[in-house]
N, C-alpha and C. Protein backbone atom coordinates (compact mmCIF):
# COMPACT_ATOMS: atom_id res chain seq x y z
N UNK A 1 -16.69 13.76 -4.64
CA UNK A 1 -17.01 12.44 -3.74
C UNK A 1 -18.30 13.37 -2.83
N UNK A 2 -19.32 12.01 -2.99
CA UNK A 2 -20.23 12.53 -1.94
C UNK A 2 -20.33 12.43 -0.53
N UNK A 3 -20.89 13.03 0.25
CA UNK A 3 -20.51 13.00 1.58
C UNK A 3 -19.07 13.49 1.86
N UNK A 4 -18.50 14.42 1.41
CA UNK A 4 -17.12 14.63 1.85
C UNK A 4 -17.17 15.51 3.25
N UNK A 5 -16.77 14.55 4.04
CA UNK A 5 -16.78 15.41 5.25
C UNK A 5 -15.08 15.80 6.08
N UNK A 6 -15.50 16.51 6.81
CA UNK A 6 -14.14 17.39 7.64
C UNK A 6 -14.25 16.93 8.46
N UNK A 7 -13.31 15.87 9.09
CA UNK A 7 -12.70 15.30 10.30
C UNK A 7 -11.68 15.57 10.58
N UNK A 8 -11.54 15.99 11.87
CA UNK A 8 -10.06 16.10 12.32
C UNK A 8 -9.11 17.18 11.70
N UNK A 9 -10.06 17.98 11.12
CA UNK A 9 -9.56 19.03 10.13
C UNK A 9 -8.91 18.67 8.90
N UNK A 10 -9.36 17.57 8.23
CA UNK A 10 -9.28 17.33 7.00
C UNK A 10 -10.20 16.47 5.88
N UNK A 11 -10.46 16.58 5.18
CA UNK A 11 -11.30 16.39 4.41
C UNK A 11 -11.23 15.11 3.60
N UNK A 12 -12.85 14.11 3.75
CA UNK A 12 -12.30 13.20 2.85
C UNK A 12 -11.99 13.10 1.47
N UNK A 13 -11.86 13.92 0.79
CA UNK A 13 -11.34 14.02 -0.66
C UNK A 13 -9.45 14.23 -0.50
N UNK A 14 -9.10 14.75 0.69
CA UNK A 14 -7.80 15.22 1.16
C UNK A 14 -7.35 13.66 1.70
N UNK A 15 -7.94 13.16 2.20
CA UNK A 15 -7.34 11.91 2.89
C UNK A 15 -7.22 10.86 1.88
N UNK A 16 -8.10 10.70 0.93
CA UNK A 16 -8.15 9.96 -0.16
C UNK A 16 -7.14 10.17 -1.27
N UNK A 17 -6.49 11.56 -1.77
CA UNK A 17 -5.62 11.90 -2.27
C UNK A 17 -4.23 11.66 -1.59
N UNK A 18 -4.19 11.67 0.00
CA UNK A 18 -2.83 11.59 0.34
C UNK A 18 -2.73 10.06 1.00
N UNK A 19 -3.46 9.05 0.54
CA UNK A 19 -3.06 7.59 0.84
C UNK A 19 -1.79 7.10 0.75
N UNK A 20 -1.70 7.05 -0.48
CA UNK A 20 -0.32 6.19 -1.25
C UNK A 20 0.95 7.20 -0.46
N UNK A 21 0.62 8.05 -0.36
CA UNK A 21 1.83 9.18 0.51
C UNK A 21 1.93 8.94 1.70
N UNK A 22 0.74 8.21 2.26
CA UNK A 22 0.77 7.93 3.95
C UNK A 22 1.17 6.62 3.70
N UNK A 23 1.09 5.74 2.88
CA UNK A 23 1.60 4.24 3.19
C UNK A 23 3.06 4.51 2.90
N UNK A 24 3.45 5.32 2.12
CA UNK A 24 4.63 5.02 1.70
C UNK A 24 5.67 5.51 2.88
N UNK A 25 5.08 6.56 3.64
CA UNK A 25 5.82 7.15 4.72
C UNK A 25 6.51 8.67 4.62
N UNK A 26 5.90 9.35 3.49
CA UNK A 26 6.23 10.35 2.54
C UNK A 26 5.31 11.75 3.36
N UNK A 27 4.59 11.43 4.27
CA UNK A 27 4.15 12.69 4.73
C UNK A 27 4.66 13.08 6.06
N UNK A 28 4.28 14.43 6.22
CA UNK A 28 4.69 15.07 7.59
C UNK A 28 4.39 14.44 9.02
N UNK A 29 4.85 13.95 10.17
CA UNK A 29 3.93 13.56 11.15
C UNK A 29 2.75 14.21 11.30
N UNK A 30 2.51 15.41 11.49
CA UNK A 30 1.27 16.01 11.71
C UNK A 30 0.29 15.64 10.55
N UNK A 31 0.77 15.63 9.62
CA UNK A 31 -0.06 15.13 8.50
C UNK A 31 -0.94 13.77 8.58
N UNK A 32 0.30 12.84 8.94
CA UNK A 32 -0.12 11.17 9.07
C UNK A 32 -1.13 11.25 10.33
N UNK A 33 -0.71 11.83 11.47
CA UNK A 33 -1.54 11.99 12.76
C UNK A 33 -3.04 12.58 12.47
N UNK A 34 -3.51 13.33 11.39
CA UNK A 34 -4.52 13.82 11.15
C UNK A 34 -5.04 12.74 10.41
N UNK A 35 -4.72 12.32 8.99
CA UNK A 35 -5.08 11.18 8.35
C UNK A 35 -5.68 10.24 9.31
N UNK A 36 -4.73 9.81 10.27
CA UNK A 36 -5.07 8.66 11.05
C UNK A 36 -6.41 9.17 12.25
N UNK A 37 -6.51 10.09 12.46
CA UNK A 37 -7.57 10.83 13.49
C UNK A 37 -8.87 10.74 12.48
N UNK A 38 -8.93 11.23 11.17
CA UNK A 38 -9.97 11.27 10.52
C UNK A 38 -10.68 9.90 10.03
N UNK A 39 -9.41 8.67 9.58
CA UNK A 39 -10.05 7.56 9.48
C UNK A 39 -10.75 7.13 10.70
N UNK A 40 -10.20 7.17 11.79
CA UNK A 40 -10.80 6.54 13.15
C UNK A 40 -12.13 6.97 13.44
N UNK A 41 -12.74 8.21 12.78
CA UNK A 41 -14.11 9.05 12.85
C UNK A 41 -14.56 8.78 11.89
N UNK A 42 -14.39 8.28 10.42
CA UNK A 42 -15.09 8.37 9.13
C UNK A 42 -15.11 6.84 8.64
N UNK A 43 -16.21 6.29 8.81
CA UNK A 43 -16.57 4.65 8.24
C UNK A 43 -16.12 4.49 6.50
N UNK A 44 -16.35 5.71 5.97
CA UNK A 44 -16.50 5.71 4.62
C UNK A 44 -14.65 5.46 4.31
N UNK A 45 -13.74 6.63 4.62
CA UNK A 45 -12.61 6.53 5.00
C UNK A 45 -11.71 5.48 5.25
N UNK A 46 -12.49 4.75 6.49
CA UNK A 46 -11.75 3.31 7.09
C UNK A 46 -12.12 2.43 6.37
N UNK A 47 -13.39 2.25 5.62
CA UNK A 47 -13.59 1.08 4.50
C UNK A 47 -12.45 1.22 3.59
N UNK A 48 -12.46 2.21 2.74
CA UNK A 48 -11.85 2.18 1.57
C UNK A 48 -10.14 2.11 1.76
N UNK A 49 -9.71 3.20 3.12
CA UNK A 49 -8.35 3.00 3.35
C UNK A 49 -8.24 1.73 3.85
N UNK A 50 -9.01 0.74 4.29
CA UNK A 50 -8.51 -1.08 4.47
C UNK A 50 -8.78 -1.62 3.23
N UNK A 51 -9.38 -1.23 2.37
CA UNK A 51 -9.25 -1.99 1.04
C UNK A 51 -7.90 -1.44 0.34
N UNK A 52 -7.75 -0.42 0.44
CA UNK A 52 -6.65 0.15 -0.17
C UNK A 52 -5.11 -0.65 0.29
N UNK A 53 -5.29 -0.55 1.73
CA UNK A 53 -3.87 -1.14 2.48
C UNK A 53 -3.78 -2.30 2.04
N UNK A 54 -4.95 -3.45 1.93
CA UNK A 54 -4.79 -4.92 1.61
C UNK A 54 -4.48 -4.84 -0.10
N UNK A 55 -4.84 -3.89 -0.87
CA UNK A 55 -4.18 -4.11 -2.07
C UNK A 55 -2.99 -3.98 -2.23
N UNK A 56 -2.87 -2.52 -1.70
CA UNK A 56 -1.11 -2.24 -1.83
C UNK A 56 -0.10 -3.42 -1.23
N UNK A 57 -0.66 -4.20 -0.01
CA UNK A 57 -0.04 -5.03 0.91
C UNK A 57 0.26 -6.41 -0.37
N UNK A 58 -0.84 -6.59 -0.50
CA UNK A 58 -0.55 -7.69 -1.76
C UNK A 58 0.02 -7.52 -3.37
N UNK A 59 0.02 -6.27 -3.10
CA UNK A 59 0.78 -5.74 -4.27
C UNK A 59 2.58 -5.92 -4.26
N UNK A 60 2.85 -5.69 -2.92
CA UNK A 60 3.96 -5.30 -2.52
C UNK A 60 4.63 -6.74 -2.19
N UNK A 61 3.76 -7.67 -1.67
CA UNK A 61 4.27 -8.92 -1.47
C UNK A 61 4.16 -9.83 -2.99
N UNK A 62 3.58 -9.32 -3.74
CA UNK A 62 3.83 -10.46 -4.88
C UNK A 62 5.02 -9.87 -6.00
N UNK A 63 5.33 -8.40 -5.66
CA UNK A 63 6.36 -8.22 -6.02
C UNK A 63 7.80 -8.41 -5.37
N UNK A 64 7.86 -8.30 -4.48
CA UNK A 64 8.70 -8.91 -3.48
C UNK A 64 8.93 -10.17 -3.64
N UNK A 65 7.95 -11.17 -3.61
CA UNK A 65 8.29 -12.61 -3.86
C UNK A 65 8.87 -12.96 -4.74
N UNK A 66 9.73 -14.04 -4.91
CA UNK A 66 10.47 -14.45 -6.20
C UNK A 66 9.44 -15.49 -6.76
N UNK A 67 9.13 -15.12 -7.83
CA UNK A 67 8.22 -16.35 -8.75
C UNK A 67 8.88 -17.48 -8.95
N UNK A 68 8.40 -18.91 -8.63
CA UNK A 68 8.59 -20.26 -8.84
C UNK A 68 9.26 -20.30 -9.96
N UNK A 69 8.28 -20.09 -11.29
CA UNK A 69 8.72 -20.34 -12.48
C UNK A 69 9.93 -19.48 -12.70
N UNK A 70 10.09 -18.28 -12.23
CA UNK A 70 11.43 -17.84 -12.36
C UNK A 70 12.72 -18.58 -11.78
N UNK A 71 12.33 -19.09 -10.54
CA UNK A 71 13.21 -19.61 -9.97
C UNK A 71 13.67 -21.05 -10.72
N UNK A 72 12.70 -21.52 -11.09
CA UNK A 72 12.98 -22.87 -11.76
C UNK A 72 13.74 -22.53 -12.98
N UNK A 73 13.34 -21.54 -13.66
CA UNK A 73 14.19 -21.10 -15.01
C UNK A 73 15.59 -21.01 -14.73
N UNK A 74 15.49 -20.25 -13.55
CA UNK A 74 17.01 -19.69 -13.30
C UNK A 74 17.89 -21.10 -13.35
N UNK A 75 17.26 -21.72 -12.27
CA UNK A 75 17.96 -23.40 -12.07
C UNK A 75 18.28 -24.11 -13.37
N UNK A 76 17.38 -23.89 -13.91
CA UNK A 76 17.92 -24.56 -15.49
C UNK A 76 18.87 -23.95 -15.95
N UNK A 77 18.87 -22.81 -16.44
CA UNK A 77 20.23 -22.09 -16.99
C UNK A 77 21.04 -22.51 -16.56
N UNK A 78 21.24 -22.40 -14.79
CA UNK A 78 22.66 -22.14 -14.35
C UNK A 78 23.06 -23.76 -14.83
N UNK A 79 22.47 -24.76 -14.62
CA UNK A 79 22.54 -25.97 -14.51
C UNK A 79 23.19 -26.23 -16.07
N UNK A 80 22.67 -25.81 -17.08
CA UNK A 80 22.85 -25.78 -18.17
C UNK A 80 24.05 -25.20 -18.73
N UNK A 81 24.36 -24.19 -18.06
CA UNK A 81 25.91 -23.65 -18.19
C UNK A 81 26.56 -24.23 -17.01
N UNK A 82 26.16 -25.05 -16.53
CA UNK A 82 27.22 -25.87 -15.56
C UNK A 82 27.83 -25.01 -14.42
N UNK A 83 26.90 -23.84 -14.11
CA UNK A 83 27.17 -23.40 -12.95
C UNK A 83 26.62 -23.93 -11.40
N UNK A 84 27.16 -23.89 -10.73
CA UNK A 84 26.79 -24.35 -9.08
C UNK A 84 26.09 -23.16 -8.70
N UNK A 85 25.14 -23.47 -7.36
CA UNK A 85 24.48 -22.41 -6.36
C UNK A 85 25.22 -21.82 -5.75
């Protein structure tokens, strides 16, 4: 990474490598705090982290939300089988 800066005792490349674990809550509290401090000081990591957060949140939402087509298919199947909700 160009402009790999060390802020709050952690380099940009380390922050980016740990973002997924950070968002999953899998890091030690000290490491999470170090990442948060770095991102507050680093515009590049803040931008990337914001985009990463939006993508992960969107994916999680789409995975967790039931598909309307799946719901319709389930309803038709239940109806044809004579099952009640």
